[in-house]
PDB file of N, CA and C in Angstrom:
ATOM      1  N   MET A   1     -59.004-128.918-174.257  1.00  0.00           N
ATOM      2  CA  MET A   1     -60.036-127.981-174.673  1.00  0.00           C
ATOM      3  C   MET A   1     -61.101-127.904-173.573  1.00  0.00           C
ATOM      4  N   PRO A   2     -61.011-126.918-172.748  1.00  0.00           N
ATOM      5  CA  PRO A   2     -61.952-126.811-171.625  1.00  0.00           C
ATOM      6  C   PRO A   2     -63.286-126.203-172.032  1.00  0.00           C
ATOM      7  N   ILE A   3     -64.289-126.513-171.238  1.00  0.00           N
ATOM      8  CA  ILE A   3     -65.604-125.888-171.379  1.00  0.00           C
ATOM      9  C   ILE A   3     -65.680-124.806-170.320  1.00  0.00           C
ATOM     10  N   TYR A   4     -65.925-123.576-170.761  1.00  0.00           N
ATOM     11  CA  TYR A   4     -66.021-122.447-169.843  1.00  0.00           C
ATOM     12  C   TYR A   4     -67.463-121.966-169.752  1.00  0.00           C
ATOM     13  N   GLU A   5     -67.773-121.353-168.627  1.00  0.00           N
ATOM     14  CA  GLU A   5     -69.092-120.764-168.405  1.00  0.00           C
ATOM     15  C   GLU A   5     -68.957-119.255-168.558  1.00  0.00           C
ATOM     16  N   TYR A   6     -69.905-118.653-169.276  1.00  0.00           N
ATOM     17  CA  TYR A   6     -69.871-117.218-169.558  1.00  0.00           C
ATOM     18  C   TYR A   6     -71.189-116.569-169.174  1.00  0.00           C
ATOM     19  N   TYR A   7     -71.120-115.264-168.930  1.00  0.00           N
ATOM     20  CA  TYR A   7     -72.292-114.434-168.651  1.00  0.00           C
ATOM     21  C   TYR A   7     -72.333-113.329-169.698  1.00  0.00           C
ATOM     22  N   CYS A   8     -73.484-113.135-170.343  1.00  0.00           N
ATOM     23  CA  CYS A   8     -73.650-112.095-171.349  1.00  0.00           C
ATOM     24  C   CYS A   8     -74.178-110.831-170.682  1.00  0.00           C
ATOM     25  N   GLU A   9     -73.438-109.739-170.846  1.00  0.00           N
ATOM     26  CA  GLU A   9     -73.842-108.464-170.248  1.00  0.00           C
ATOM     27  C   GLU A   9     -75.011-107.829-170.997  1.00  0.00           C
ATOM     28  N   SER A  10     -75.194-108.175-172.266  1.00  0.00           N
ATOM     29  CA  SER A  10     -76.244-107.556-173.071  1.00  0.00           C
ATOM     30  C   SER A  10     -77.624-108.145-172.803  1.00  0.00           C
ATOM     31  N   CYS A  11     -77.726-109.484-172.804  1.00  0.00           N
ATOM     32  CA  CYS A  11     -79.052-110.101-172.659  1.00  0.00           C
ATOM     33  C   CYS A  11     -79.227-110.852-171.347  1.00  0.00           C
ATOM     34  N   ASP A  12     -78.239-110.803-170.458  1.00  0.00           N
ATOM     35  CA  ASP A  12     -78.315-111.417-169.128  1.00  0.00           C
ATOM     36  C   ASP A  12     -78.404-112.940-169.192  1.00  0.00           C
ATOM     37  N   ASP A  13     -77.860-113.527-170.257  1.00  0.00           N
ATOM     38  CA  ASP A  13     -77.879-114.981-170.428  1.00  0.00           C
ATOM     39  C   ASP A  13     -76.603-115.578-169.846  1.00  0.00           C
ATOM     40  N   GLN A  14     -76.685-116.802-169.362  1.00  0.00           N
ATOM     41  CA  GLN A  14     -75.515-117.517-168.882  1.00  0.00           C
ATOM     42  C   GLN A  14     -75.421-118.804-169.700  1.00  0.00           C
ATOM     43  N   PHE A  15     -74.224-119.116-170.216  1.00  0.00           N
ATOM     44  CA  PHE A  15     -74.073-120.263-171.100  1.00  0.00           C
ATOM     45  C   PHE A  15     -72.685-120.864-170.957  1.00  0.00           C
ATOM     46  N   GLU A  16     -72.542-122.098-171.446  1.00  0.00           N
ATOM     47  CA  GLU A  16     -71.254-122.796-171.463  1.00  0.00           C
ATOM     48  C   GLU A  16     -70.832-122.971-172.908  1.00  0.00           C
ATOM     49  N   ILE A  17     -69.521-122.942-173.138  1.00  0.00           N
ATOM     50  CA  ILE A  17     -69.015-123.113-174.497  1.00  0.00           C
ATOM     51  C   ILE A  17     -67.644-123.776-174.457  1.00  0.00           C
ATOM     52  N   LEU A  18     -67.391-124.642-175.436  1.00  0.00           N
ATOM     53  CA  LEU A  18     -66.105-125.288-175.576  1.00  0.00           C
ATOM     54  C   LEU A  18     -65.147-124.309-176.244  1.00  0.00           C
ATOM     55  N   VAL A  19     -64.004-124.055-175.599  1.00  0.00           N
ATOM     56  CA  VAL A  19     -63.042-123.078-176.105  1.00  0.00           C
ATOM     57  C   VAL A  19     -61.811-123.818-176.631  1.00  0.00           C
ATOM     58  N   PHE A  20     -61.508-123.636-177.916  1.00  0.00           N
ATOM     59  CA  PHE A  20     -60.364-124.304-178.527  1.00  0.00           C
ATOM     60  C   PHE A  20     -59.066-123.580-178.207  1.00  0.00           C
ATOM     61  N   ARG A  21     -59.054-122.254-178.324  1.00  0.00           N
ATOM     62  CA  ARG A  21     -57.875-121.440-177.998  1.00  0.00           C
ATOM     63  C   ARG A  21     -58.349-120.242-177.173  1.00  0.00           C
ATOM     64  N   SER A  22     -57.547-119.849-176.193  1.00  0.00           N
ATOM     65  CA  SER A  22     -57.942-118.729-175.332  1.00  0.00           C
ATOM     66  C   SER A  22     -58.020-117.418-176.099  1.00  0.00           C
ATOM     67  N   SER A  23     -57.387-117.339-177.260  1.00  0.00           N
ATOM     68  CA  SER A  23     -57.410-116.119-178.063  1.00  0.00           C
ATOM     69  C   SER A  23     -58.661-116.021-178.954  1.00  0.00           C
ATOM     70  N   ASP A  24     -59.427-117.115-179.063  1.00  0.00           N
ATOM     71  CA  ASP A  24     -60.644-117.092-179.880  1.00  0.00           C
ATOM     72  C   ASP A  24     -61.715-116.236-179.218  1.00  0.00           C
ATOM     73  N   PRO A  25     -62.398-115.383-179.990  1.00  0.00           N
ATOM     74  CA  PRO A  25     -63.482-114.584-179.418  1.00  0.00           C
ATOM     75  C   PRO A  25     -64.686-115.469-179.090  1.00  0.00           C
ATOM     76  N   VAL A  26     -65.375-115.119-178.016  1.00  0.00           N
ATOM     77  CA  VAL A  26     -66.555-115.866-177.589  1.00  0.00           C
ATOM     78  C   VAL A  26     -67.760-114.964-177.723  1.00  0.00           C
ATOM     79  N   GLY A  27     -68.795-115.470-178.366  1.00  0.00           N
ATOM     80  CA  GLY A  27     -70.022-114.704-178.540  1.00  0.00           C
ATOM     81  C   GLY A  27     -71.194-115.390-177.874  1.00  0.00           C
ATOM     82  N   CYS A  28     -72.175-114.599-177.474  1.00  0.00           N
ATOM     83  CA  CYS A  28     -73.384-115.107-176.836  1.00  0.00           C
ATOM     84  C   CYS A  28     -74.236-115.829-177.887  1.00  0.00           C
ATOM     85  N   PRO A  29     -74.670-117.054-177.612  1.00  0.00           N
ATOM     86  CA  PRO A  29     -75.497-117.779-178.572  1.00  0.00           C
ATOM     87  C   PRO A  29     -76.916-117.217-178.687  1.00  0.00           C
ATOM     88  N   THR A  30     -77.339-116.408-177.720  1.00  0.00           N
ATOM     89  CA  THR A  30     -78.684-115.842-177.741  1.00  0.00           C
ATOM     90  C   THR A  30     -78.755-114.556-178.549  1.00  0.00           C
ATOM     91  N   CYS A  31     -77.822-113.611-178.291  1.00  0.00           N
ATOM     92  CA  CYS A  31     -77.909-112.304-178.946  1.00  0.00           C
ATOM     93  C   CYS A  31     -76.710-111.997-179.852  1.00  0.00           C
ATOM     94  N   ASN A  32     -75.759-112.925-179.927  1.00  0.00           N
ATOM     95  CA  ASN A  32     -74.587-112.818-180.811  1.00  0.00           C
ATOM     96  C   ASN A  32     -73.611-111.694-180.481  1.00  0.00           C
ATOM     97  N   THR A  33     -73.686-111.099-179.316  1.00  0.00           N
ATOM     98  CA  THR A  33     -72.724-110.078-178.929  1.00  0.00           C
ATOM     99  C   THR A  33     -71.468-110.732-178.354  1.00  0.00           C
ATOM    100  N   GLU A  34     -70.386-109.987-178.340  1.00  0.00           N
ATOM    101  CA  GLU A  34     -69.156-110.478-177.719  1.00  0.00           C
ATOM    102  C   GLU A  34     -68.920-109.811-176.362  1.00  0.00           C
ATOM    103  N   LYS A  35     -69.947-109.160-175.806  1.00  0.00           N
ATOM    104  CA  LYS A  35     -69.850-108.552-174.474  1.00  0.00           C
ATOM    105  C   LYS A  35     -70.154-109.623-173.427  1.00  0.00           C
ATOM    106  N   VAL A  36     -69.236-110.574-173.302  1.00  0.00           N
ATOM    107  CA  VAL A  36     -69.410-111.670-172.359  1.00  0.00           C
ATOM    108  C   VAL A  36     -68.240-111.701-171.388  1.00  0.00           C
ATOM    109  N   LYS A  37     -68.499-112.230-170.198  1.00  0.00           N
ATOM    110  CA  LYS A  37     -67.467-112.388-169.177  1.00  0.00           C
ATOM    111  C   LYS A  37     -67.448-113.841-168.739  1.00  0.00           C
ATOM    112  N   ARG A  38     -66.245-114.376-168.592  1.00  0.00           N
ATOM    113  CA  ARG A  38     -66.114-115.739-168.084  1.00  0.00           C
ATOM    114  C   ARG A  38     -66.358-115.714-166.583  1.00  0.00           C
ATOM    115  N   VAL A  39     -67.148-116.658-166.099  1.00  0.00           N
ATOM    116  CA  VAL A  39     -67.477-116.730-164.678  1.00  0.00           C
ATOM    117  C   VAL A  39     -66.917-118.026-164.103  1.00  0.00           C
ATOM    118  N   LEU A  40     -66.743-118.050-162.798  1.00  0.00           N
ATOM    119  CA  LEU A  40     -66.282-119.257-162.118  1.00  0.00           C
ATOM    120  C   LEU A  40     -67.426-120.255-162.055  1.00  0.00           C
ATOM    121  N   SER A  41     -67.167-121.453-162.499  1.00  0.00           N
ATOM    122  CA  SER A  41     -68.159-122.516-162.456  1.00  0.00           C
ATOM    123  C   SER A  41     -68.069-123.250-161.128  1.00  0.00           C
ATOM    124  N   VAL A  42     -69.191-123.782-160.678  1.00  0.00           N
ATOM    125  CA  VAL A  42     -69.212-124.611-159.488  1.00  0.00           C
ATOM    126  C   VAL A  42     -68.852-126.023-159.933  1.00  0.00           C
ATOM    127  N   PHE A  43     -67.978-126.657-159.203  1.00  0.00           N
ATOM    128  CA  PHE A  43     -67.621-128.028-159.536  1.00  0.00           C
ATOM    129  C   PHE A  43     -67.452-128.819-158.259  1.00  0.00           C
ATOM    130  N   GLY A  44     -67.513-130.100-158.369  1.00  0.00           N
ATOM    131  CA  GLY A  44     -67.349-130.966-157.214  1.00  0.00           C
ATOM    132  C   GLY A  44     -66.165-131.890-157.411  1.00  0.00           C
ATOM    133  N   PHE A  45     -65.632-132.384-156.319  1.00  0.00           N
ATOM    134  CA  PHE A  45     -64.565-133.360-156.409  1.00  0.00           C
ATOM    135  C   PHE A  45     -64.702-134.323-155.261  1.00  0.00           C
ATOM    136  N   LYS A  46     -64.166-135.498-155.451  1.00  0.00           N
ATOM    137  CA  LYS A  46     -64.128-136.493-154.390  1.00  0.00           C
ATOM    138  C   LYS A  46     -62.754-137.115-154.428  1.00  0.00           C
ATOM    139  N   SER A  47     -62.083-137.099-153.298  1.00  0.00           N
ATOM    140  CA  SER A  47     -60.747-137.674-153.261  1.00  0.00           C
ATOM    141  C   SER A  47     -60.849-139.192-153.279  1.00  0.00           C
ATOM    142  N   GLY A  48     -59.869-139.840-153.877  1.00  0.00           N
ATOM    143  CA  GLY A  48     -59.855-141.298-153.935  1.00  0.00           C
ATOM    144  C   GLY A  48     -59.389-141.878-152.624  1.00  0.00           C
ATOM    145  N   GLY A  49     -59.545-143.150-152.490  1.00  0.00           N
ATOM    146  CA  GLY A  49     -59.049-143.798-151.277  1.00  0.00           C
ATOM    147  C   GLY A  49     -60.130-144.579-150.576  1.00  0.00           C
ATOM    148  N   ASP A  50     -59.954-144.717-149.280  1.00  0.00           N
ATOM    149  CA  ASP A  50     -60.855-145.529-148.467  1.00  0.00           C
ATOM    150  C   ASP A  50     -62.239-144.915-148.384  1.00  0.00           C
ATOM    151  N   LYS A  51     -63.184-145.750-147.933  1.00  0.00           N
ATOM    152  CA  LYS A  51     -64.527-145.210-147.717  1.00  0.00           C
ATOM    153  C   LYS A  51     -64.450-144.140-146.635  1.00  0.00           C
ATOM    154  N   GLY A  52     -65.318-143.187-146.715  1.00  0.00           N
ATOM    155  CA  GLY A  52     -65.257-142.064-145.792  1.00  0.00           C
ATOM    156  C   GLY A  52     -64.302-140.993-146.273  1.00  0.00           C
ATOM    157  N   ALA A  53     -63.883-141.099-147.526  1.00  0.00           N
ATOM    158  CA  ALA A  53     -62.964-140.102-148.076  1.00  0.00           C
ATOM    159  C   ALA A  53     -63.631-138.751-148.138  1.00  0.00           C
ATOM    160  N   ALA A  54     -62.840-137.722-148.066  1.00  0.00           N
ATOM    161  CA  ALA A  54     -63.351-136.358-148.052  1.00  0.00           C
ATOM    162  C   ALA A  54     -63.909-135.971-149.409  1.00  0.00           C
ATOM    163  N   SER A  55     -64.940-135.170-149.387  1.00  0.00           N
ATOM    164  CA  SER A  55     -65.467-134.591-150.624  1.00  0.00           C
ATOM    165  C   SER A  55     -65.886-133.171-150.318  1.00  0.00           C
ATOM    166  N   SER A  56     -65.931-132.360-151.337  1.00  0.00           N
ATOM    167  CA  SER A  56     -66.244-130.955-151.147  1.00  0.00           C
ATOM    168  C   SER A  56     -66.765-130.372-152.434  1.00  0.00           C
ATOM    169  N   ARG A  57     -67.390-129.205-152.366  1.00  0.00           N
ATOM    170  CA  ARG A  57     -67.806-128.460-153.544  1.00  0.00           C
ATOM    171  C   ARG A  57     -67.064-127.146-153.531  1.00  0.00           C
ATOM    172  N   MET A  58     -66.591-126.755-154.713  1.00  0.00           N
ATOM    173  CA  MET A  58     -65.845-125.516-154.840  1.00  0.00           C
ATOM    174  C   MET A  58     -66.549-124.634-155.848  1.00  0.00           C
ATOM    175  N   GLY A  59     -66.183-123.350-155.883  1.00  0.00           N
ATOM    176  CA  GLY A  59     -66.722-122.442-156.879  1.00  0.00           C
ATOM    177  C   GLY A  59     -67.384-121.257-156.234  1.00  0.00           C
ATOM    178  N   SER A  60     -68.284-120.595-156.985  1.00  0.00           N
ATOM    179  CA  SER A  60     -68.893-119.358-156.515  1.00  0.00           C
ATOM    180  C   SER A  60     -69.774-119.563-155.295  1.00  0.00           C
ATOM    181  N   GLY A  61     -70.276-120.789-155.076  1.00  0.00           N
ATOM    182  CA  GLY A  61     -71.139-121.038-153.935  1.00  0.00           C
ATOM    183  C   GLY A  61     -70.396-121.591-152.749  1.00  0.00           C
ATOM    184  N   ALA A  62     -69.094-121.597-152.764  1.00  0.00           N
ATOM    185  CA  ALA A  62     -68.310-122.168-151.685  1.00  0.00           C
ATOM    186  C   ALA A  62     -68.495-121.351-150.410  1.00  0.00           C
ATOM    187  N   SER A  63     -68.356-122.029-149.285  1.00  0.00           N
ATOM    188  CA  SER A  63     -68.600-121.387-147.995  1.00  0.00           C
ATOM    189  C   SER A  63     -67.332-120.862-147.349  1.00  0.00           C
ATOM    190  N   GLY A  64     -66.271-120.669-148.110  1.00  0.00           N
ATOM    191  CA  GLY A  64     -65.046-120.163-147.544  1.00  0.00           C
ATOM    192  C   GLY A  64     -64.042-121.253-147.246  1.00  0.00           C
ATOM    193  N   CYS A  65     -64.439-122.502-147.393  1.00  0.00           N
ATOM    194  CA  CYS A  65     -63.537-123.621-147.168  1.00  0.00           C
ATOM    195  C   CYS A  65     -62.730-123.850-148.436  1.00  0.00           C
ATOM    196  N   SER A  66     -61.441-124.016-148.311  1.00  0.00           N
ATOM    197  CA  SER A  66     -60.605-124.212-149.497  1.00  0.00           C
ATOM    198  C   SER A  66     -60.474-125.673-149.865  1.00  0.00           C
ATOM    199  N   GLY A  67     -61.247-126.518-149.263  1.00  0.00           N
ATOM    200  CA  GLY A  67     -61.205-127.950-149.548  1.00  0.00           C
ATOM    201  C   GLY A  67     -61.041-128.727-148.266  1.00  0.00           C
ATOM    202  N   CYS A  68     -61.649-129.870-148.215  1.00  0.00           N
ATOM    203  CA  CYS A  68     -61.589-130.690-147.012  1.00  0.00           C
ATOM    204  C   CYS A  68     -60.384-131.597-147.071  1.00  0.00           C
ATOM    205  N   VAL A  69     -59.659-131.684-145.980  1.00  0.00           N
ATOM    206  CA  VAL A  69     -58.500-132.550-145.924  1.00  0.00           C
ATOM    207  C   VAL A  69     -58.657-133.611-144.840  1.00  0.00           C
ATOM    208  N   ALA A  70     -59.728-133.557-144.095  1.00  0.00           N
ATOM    209  CA  ALA A  70     -59.978-134.535-143.049  1.00  0.00           C
ATOM    210  C   ALA A  70     -61.137-135.428-143.475  1.00  0.00           C
ATOM    211  N   THR A  71     -61.404-136.466-142.705  1.00  0.00           N
ATOM    212  CA  THR A  71     -62.525-137.343-143.040  1.00  0.00           C
ATOM    213  C   THR A  71     -63.853-136.742-142.612  1.00  0.00           C
ATOM    214  N   ASN A  72     -63.826-135.707-141.787  1.00  0.00           N
ATOM    215  CA  ASN A  72     -65.054-135.043-141.360  1.00  0.00           C
ATOM    216  C   ASN A  72     -65.038-133.612-141.854  1.00  0.00           C
ATOM    217  N   CYS A  73     -65.894-133.300-142.813  1.00  0.00           N
ATOM    218  CA  CYS A  73     -65.918-131.959-143.412  1.00  0.00           C
ATOM    219  C   CYS A  73     -66.992-131.065-142.827  1.00  0.00           C
ATOM    220  N   SER A  74     -67.567-131.451-141.702  1.00  0.00           N
ATOM    221  CA  SER A  74     -68.653-130.654-141.143  1.00  0.00           C
ATOM    222  C   SER A  74     -68.224-129.258-140.763  1.00  0.00           C
ATOM    223  N   SER A  75     -66.938-129.049-140.491  1.00  0.00           N
ATOM    224  CA  SER A  75     -66.472-127.698-140.154  1.00  0.00           C
ATOM    225  C   SER A  75     -66.392-126.800-141.377  1.00  0.00           C
ATOM    226  N   CYS A  76     -66.350-127.391-142.564  1.00  0.00           N
ATOM    227  CA  CYS A  76     -66.278-126.598-143.805  1.00  0.00           C
ATOM    228  C   CYS A  76     -67.640-126.137-144.255  1.00  0.00           C
ATOM    229  N   HIS A  77     -68.678-126.857-143.953  1.00  0.00           N
ATOM    230  CA  HIS A  77     -69.977-126.594-144.583  1.00  0.00           C
ATOM    231  C   HIS A  77     -70.952-126.047-143.627  1.00  0.00           C
TER     232      HIS A  77
END
């Protein structure tokens, strides 16, 4: 059961909601309309392993890097 981030077109609110089934309608908690769009959330990850492991941020604020695979991510950011 993932938590998705939505944007309401009616009241310009942005909110997160736990979705049980993808077929369930989602409504804005502020204005109760169903004119909402799911947006890409920003998330972070850190690979496991030795110290100096690569880490990166993905999502709408990404800089065009699809993820770091080296120990030095300065070229991505």
